[in-house]
Each structure stands twice: as structure tokens, then as C-alpha cells.
Amino acid sequence: MEEFPHHYTVAASGAVGGDVELTAERVPGLRSASPAEFGGPGDRWSPETLLVGAVADCFILTFRAVARASKLAWTSLQCDASDRLYRIDFVT
């Protein structure tokens, strides 16, 4: 493992319409769009699904690391994650 701090850089590019292209070093690019709830196509990863997916991914990767360090034998793990987005009106 590398010394801290770890740095992560992602570039995002998009035009007036269409997908947003996310790129980072050493990984394949990823296309995202607004979810259907915000008028998007609904068939791509969106910032909302990426955020929830990142939490589930982090849970499994953390479990894997702790299991390895503890010498815990295991075969598989599934993590189902969900979240809700609320609209909150702020009064100023």
C-alpha cells in the first residue's frame, strides 16, 4: 500500500446534450447521464447511482481487506444498497 495521503483525480467532459464522459488514469472511461427522474435516459450510470454504488463497493472492499487481515475464510458477499433523494426547501 502507498503512503498517505492518497490522491484521486477524475476528469469529466460533456456538451450541451448527451452523456458526460468520466476519465481517470489507468481505468476505462465511464459514461454517465442524468437519471430518468431528472429527465435523463435512465439507462446509464448517473451521479446518484454512482454514489450509492461507491458505498456498496467500499463496503465489500473493506470487508475483503478486514477478512484477509483476520485470516477469515469466506466465499462471497453481496451488498444491496439504496438511497433516497429528498427535496428540501430552505428558507432564508
N, C-alpha and C. Protein backbone atom coordinates (compact mmCIF):
# COMPACT_ATOMS: atom_id res chain seq x y z
N MET A 1 0.85 -1.17 0.00
CA MET A 1 0.00 0.00 0.00
C MET A 1 0.90 1.23 0.00
N GLU A 2 0.43 2.27 -0.67
CA GLU A 2 1.18 3.53 -0.74
C GLU A 2 0.97 4.35 0.52
N GLU A 3 1.91 5.25 0.77
CA GLU A 3 1.80 6.14 1.91
C GLU A 3 0.66 7.13 1.71
N PHE A 4 0.08 7.60 2.80
CA PHE A 4 -0.97 8.61 2.75
C PHE A 4 -0.34 9.99 2.60
N PRO A 5 -0.99 10.96 2.08
CA PRO A 5 -2.36 10.91 1.56
C PRO A 5 -2.42 10.30 0.17
N HIS A 6 -3.55 9.68 -0.14
CA HIS A 6 -3.81 9.15 -1.47
C HIS A 6 -4.57 10.22 -2.25
N HIS A 7 -4.27 10.35 -3.52
CA HIS A 7 -4.93 11.35 -4.36
C HIS A 7 -5.66 10.65 -5.50
N TYR A 8 -6.85 11.09 -5.80
CA TYR A 8 -7.65 10.54 -6.88
C TYR A 8 -8.13 11.68 -7.75
N THR A 9 -7.90 11.58 -9.04
CA THR A 9 -8.28 12.64 -9.96
C THR A 9 -9.14 12.05 -11.07
N VAL A 10 -10.27 12.69 -11.31
CA VAL A 10 -11.19 12.29 -12.38
C VAL A 10 -11.47 13.53 -13.22
N ALA A 11 -11.50 13.36 -14.53
CA ALA A 11 -11.88 14.44 -15.43
C ALA A 11 -13.26 14.11 -15.99
N ALA A 12 -14.11 15.11 -16.07
CA ALA A 12 -15.45 14.95 -16.65
C ALA A 12 -15.59 15.93 -17.79
N SER A 13 -16.16 15.47 -18.90
CA SER A 13 -16.39 16.37 -20.03
C SER A 13 -17.76 16.07 -20.62
N GLY A 14 -18.42 17.13 -21.06
CA GLY A 14 -19.74 17.00 -21.65
C GLY A 14 -20.08 18.21 -22.48
N ALA A 15 -21.10 18.08 -23.27
CA ALA A 15 -21.56 19.17 -24.14
C ALA A 15 -22.98 19.56 -23.71
N VAL A 16 -23.63 20.37 -24.53
CA VAL A 16 -24.98 20.85 -24.22
C VAL A 16 -25.94 19.69 -23.99
N GLY A 17 -25.81 18.63 -24.75
CA GLY A 17 -26.64 17.45 -24.59
C GLY A 17 -25.79 16.21 -24.59
N GLY A 18 -26.40 15.08 -24.27
CA GLY A 18 -25.68 13.81 -24.32
C GLY A 18 -25.02 13.43 -23.01
N ASP A 19 -24.19 12.41 -23.10
CA ASP A 19 -23.54 11.85 -21.92
C ASP A 19 -22.40 12.71 -21.42
N VAL A 20 -22.03 12.46 -20.19
CA VAL A 20 -20.81 13.01 -19.61
C VAL A 20 -19.78 11.88 -19.63
N GLU A 21 -18.58 12.17 -20.08
CA GLU A 21 -17.51 11.19 -20.12
C GLU A 21 -16.60 11.40 -18.92
N LEU A 22 -16.46 10.37 -18.10
CA LEU A 22 -15.58 10.41 -16.95
C LEU A 22 -14.33 9.62 -17.27
N THR A 23 -13.17 10.21 -17.04
CA THR A 23 -11.91 9.53 -17.31
C THR A 23 -10.96 9.71 -16.12
N ALA A 24 -10.11 8.72 -15.96
CA ALA A 24 -9.07 8.75 -14.94
C ALA A 24 -7.92 7.87 -15.43
N GLU A 25 -6.75 8.11 -14.90
CA GLU A 25 -5.60 7.32 -15.31
C GLU A 25 -5.79 5.85 -14.96
N ARG A 26 -5.36 4.99 -15.86
CA ARG A 26 -5.28 3.53 -15.67
C ARG A 26 -6.62 2.82 -15.55
N VAL A 27 -7.73 3.49 -15.84
CA VAL A 27 -9.03 2.81 -15.80
C VAL A 27 -9.83 3.16 -17.05
N PRO A 28 -10.73 2.28 -17.48
CA PRO A 28 -11.54 2.60 -18.65
C PRO A 28 -12.45 3.80 -18.38
N GLY A 29 -12.77 4.53 -19.42
CA GLY A 29 -13.69 5.65 -19.29
C GLY A 29 -15.09 5.16 -18.93
N LEU A 30 -15.89 6.05 -18.40
CA LEU A 30 -17.25 5.73 -17.99
C LEU A 30 -18.16 6.84 -18.46
N ARG A 31 -19.29 6.46 -19.05
CA ARG A 31 -20.26 7.46 -19.50
C ARG A 31 -21.40 7.52 -18.50
N SER A 32 -21.82 8.74 -18.20
CA SER A 32 -22.94 8.92 -17.28
C SER A 32 -23.93 9.91 -17.86
N ALA A 33 -25.11 9.91 -17.29
CA ALA A 33 -26.16 10.84 -17.72
C ALA A 33 -27.10 11.06 -16.53
N SER A 34 -27.94 12.04 -16.65
CA SER A 34 -28.95 12.27 -15.61
C SER A 34 -29.86 11.05 -15.51
N PRO A 35 -30.34 10.74 -14.31
CA PRO A 35 -31.29 9.63 -14.18
C PRO A 35 -32.64 10.01 -14.78
N ALA A 36 -33.48 9.04 -15.00
CA ALA A 36 -34.80 9.29 -15.57
C ALA A 36 -35.60 10.30 -14.74
N GLU A 37 -35.39 10.28 -13.43
CA GLU A 37 -36.12 11.19 -12.54
C GLU A 37 -35.80 12.65 -12.82
N PHE A 38 -34.64 12.92 -13.45
CA PHE A 38 -34.26 14.28 -13.80
C PHE A 38 -34.30 14.50 -15.31
N GLY A 39 -35.06 13.68 -16.02
CA GLY A 39 -35.22 13.86 -17.45
C GLY A 39 -34.16 13.19 -18.30
N GLY A 40 -33.28 12.39 -17.69
CA GLY A 40 -32.26 11.67 -18.43
C GLY A 40 -32.81 10.38 -19.03
N PRO A 41 -31.96 9.65 -19.75
CA PRO A 41 -32.42 8.43 -20.41
C PRO A 41 -32.72 7.29 -19.44
N GLY A 42 -32.08 7.29 -18.28
CA GLY A 42 -32.35 6.25 -17.30
C GLY A 42 -31.64 4.93 -17.56
N ASP A 43 -30.82 4.87 -18.59
CA ASP A 43 -30.14 3.61 -18.90
C ASP A 43 -28.62 3.73 -18.77
N ARG A 44 -28.16 4.72 -18.02
CA ARG A 44 -26.73 4.92 -17.80
C ARG A 44 -26.48 5.14 -16.31
N TRP A 45 -25.24 4.98 -15.92
CA TRP A 45 -24.86 5.36 -14.57
C TRP A 45 -25.07 6.87 -14.43
N SER A 46 -25.59 7.29 -13.30
CA SER A 46 -25.81 8.71 -13.02
C SER A 46 -25.00 9.06 -11.77
N PRO A 47 -24.83 10.34 -11.47
CA PRO A 47 -24.15 10.69 -10.23
C PRO A 47 -24.80 10.02 -9.01
N GLU A 48 -26.12 9.91 -9.03
CA GLU A 48 -26.83 9.31 -7.90
C GLU A 48 -26.52 7.82 -7.77
N THR A 49 -26.57 7.08 -8.89
CA THR A 49 -26.28 5.65 -8.82
C THR A 49 -24.80 5.39 -8.57
N LEU A 50 -23.94 6.26 -9.09
CA LEU A 50 -22.51 6.12 -8.82
C LEU A 50 -22.22 6.29 -7.33
N LEU A 51 -22.89 7.23 -6.68
CA LEU A 51 -22.67 7.47 -5.25
C LEU A 51 -23.10 6.26 -4.43
N VAL A 52 -24.28 5.74 -4.70
CA VAL A 52 -24.76 4.57 -3.97
C VAL A 52 -23.88 3.35 -4.28
N GLY A 53 -23.49 3.21 -5.54
CA GLY A 53 -22.61 2.11 -5.92
C GLY A 53 -21.26 2.20 -5.23
N ALA A 54 -20.74 3.41 -5.06
CA ALA A 54 -19.45 3.59 -4.39
C ALA A 54 -19.53 3.14 -2.93
N VAL A 55 -20.65 3.38 -2.28
CA VAL A 55 -20.81 2.96 -0.89
C VAL A 55 -20.82 1.43 -0.80
N ALA A 56 -21.59 0.77 -1.69
CA ALA A 56 -21.64 -0.69 -1.69
C ALA A 56 -20.28 -1.29 -2.04
N ASP A 57 -19.62 -0.72 -3.02
CA ASP A 57 -18.29 -1.18 -3.43
C ASP A 57 -17.30 -1.05 -2.28
N CYS A 58 -17.32 0.09 -1.59
CA CYS A 58 -16.42 0.33 -0.47
C CYS A 58 -16.68 -0.67 0.66
N PHE A 59 -17.93 -0.99 0.90
CA PHE A 59 -18.27 -1.96 1.95
C PHE A 59 -17.63 -3.31 1.65
N ILE A 60 -17.79 -3.79 0.41
CA ILE A 60 -17.24 -5.11 0.05
C ILE A 60 -15.72 -5.08 0.06
N LEU A 61 -15.10 -4.03 -0.47
CA LEU A 61 -13.64 -3.96 -0.48
C LEU A 61 -13.08 -3.86 0.94
N THR A 62 -13.77 -3.15 1.83
CA THR A 62 -13.34 -3.07 3.23
C THR A 62 -13.49 -4.42 3.91
N PHE A 63 -14.62 -5.10 3.69
CA PHE A 63 -14.82 -6.43 4.26
C PHE A 63 -13.72 -7.37 3.79
N ARG A 64 -13.41 -7.32 2.50
CA ARG A 64 -12.36 -8.17 1.93
C ARG A 64 -11.02 -7.93 2.62
N ALA A 65 -10.67 -6.66 2.83
CA ALA A 65 -9.40 -6.33 3.46
C ALA A 65 -9.36 -6.79 4.92
N VAL A 66 -10.45 -6.56 5.64
CA VAL A 66 -10.51 -6.97 7.04
C VAL A 66 -10.48 -8.50 7.14
N ALA A 67 -11.20 -9.18 6.27
CA ALA A 67 -11.20 -10.65 6.27
C ALA A 67 -9.81 -11.19 5.98
N ARG A 68 -9.12 -10.59 5.01
CA ARG A 68 -7.76 -11.02 4.68
C ARG A 68 -6.83 -10.82 5.88
N ALA A 69 -6.91 -9.65 6.51
CA ALA A 69 -6.05 -9.37 7.66
C ALA A 69 -6.37 -10.28 8.84
N SER A 70 -7.62 -10.69 8.97
CA SER A 70 -8.05 -11.55 10.07
C SER A 70 -7.93 -13.03 9.73
N LYS A 71 -7.51 -13.32 8.51
CA LYS A 71 -7.42 -14.70 8.02
C LYS A 71 -8.77 -15.42 8.12
N LEU A 72 -9.82 -14.67 7.82
CA LEU A 72 -11.19 -15.19 7.82
C LEU A 72 -11.48 -15.82 6.46
N ALA A 73 -11.88 -17.08 6.48
CA ALA A 73 -12.24 -17.75 5.23
C ALA A 73 -13.68 -17.39 4.88
N TRP A 74 -13.89 -17.01 3.63
CA TRP A 74 -15.24 -16.68 3.17
C TRP A 74 -15.29 -16.94 1.67
N THR A 75 -16.49 -17.04 1.12
CA THR A 75 -16.60 -17.36 -0.30
C THR A 75 -17.21 -16.23 -1.12
N SER A 76 -18.20 -15.56 -0.59
CA SER A 76 -18.81 -14.48 -1.36
C SER A 76 -19.60 -13.57 -0.44
N LEU A 77 -19.87 -12.39 -0.94
CA LEU A 77 -20.61 -11.38 -0.18
C LEU A 77 -21.41 -10.55 -1.17
N GLN A 78 -22.65 -10.29 -0.86
CA GLN A 78 -23.47 -9.41 -1.69
C GLN A 78 -23.94 -8.25 -0.82
N CYS A 79 -23.85 -7.06 -1.37
CA CYS A 79 -24.30 -5.87 -0.66
C CYS A 79 -25.30 -5.14 -1.55
N ASP A 80 -26.52 -5.04 -1.10
CA ASP A 80 -27.54 -4.28 -1.81
C ASP A 80 -27.66 -2.93 -1.13
N ALA A 81 -27.49 -1.88 -1.87
CA ALA A 81 -27.53 -0.53 -1.30
C ALA A 81 -28.60 0.29 -2.01
N SER A 82 -29.24 1.16 -1.26
CA SER A 82 -30.22 2.06 -1.86
C SER A 82 -30.21 3.36 -1.06
N ASP A 83 -30.73 4.39 -1.67
CA ASP A 83 -30.81 5.67 -1.01
C ASP A 83 -31.99 6.43 -1.57
N ARG A 84 -32.35 7.50 -0.92
CA ARG A 84 -33.45 8.36 -1.37
C ARG A 84 -32.94 9.78 -1.48
N LEU A 85 -33.43 10.47 -2.47
CA LEU A 85 -33.10 11.87 -2.64
C LEU A 85 -34.35 12.68 -2.33
N TYR A 86 -34.23 13.57 -1.37
CA TYR A 86 -35.35 14.42 -0.97
C TYR A 86 -35.08 15.84 -1.43
N ARG A 87 -36.15 16.55 -1.68
CA ARG A 87 -36.03 17.97 -1.95
C ARG A 87 -36.37 18.71 -0.67
N ILE A 88 -35.46 19.55 -0.25
CA ILE A 88 -35.68 20.33 0.97
C ILE A 88 -35.64 21.80 0.58
N ASP A 89 -36.70 22.49 0.88
CA ASP A 89 -36.76 23.91 0.59
C ASP A 89 -36.19 24.67 1.78
N PHE A 90 -35.16 25.47 1.49
CA PHE A 90 -34.54 26.27 2.54
C PHE A 90 -35.19 27.64 2.59
N VAL A 91 -35.44 28.10 3.77
CA VAL A 91 -35.98 29.44 3.97
C VAL A 91 -34.83 30.31 4.42
N THR A 92 -34.65 31.43 3.72
CA THR A 92 -33.54 32.32 4.10
C THR A 92 -34.04 33.57 4.76
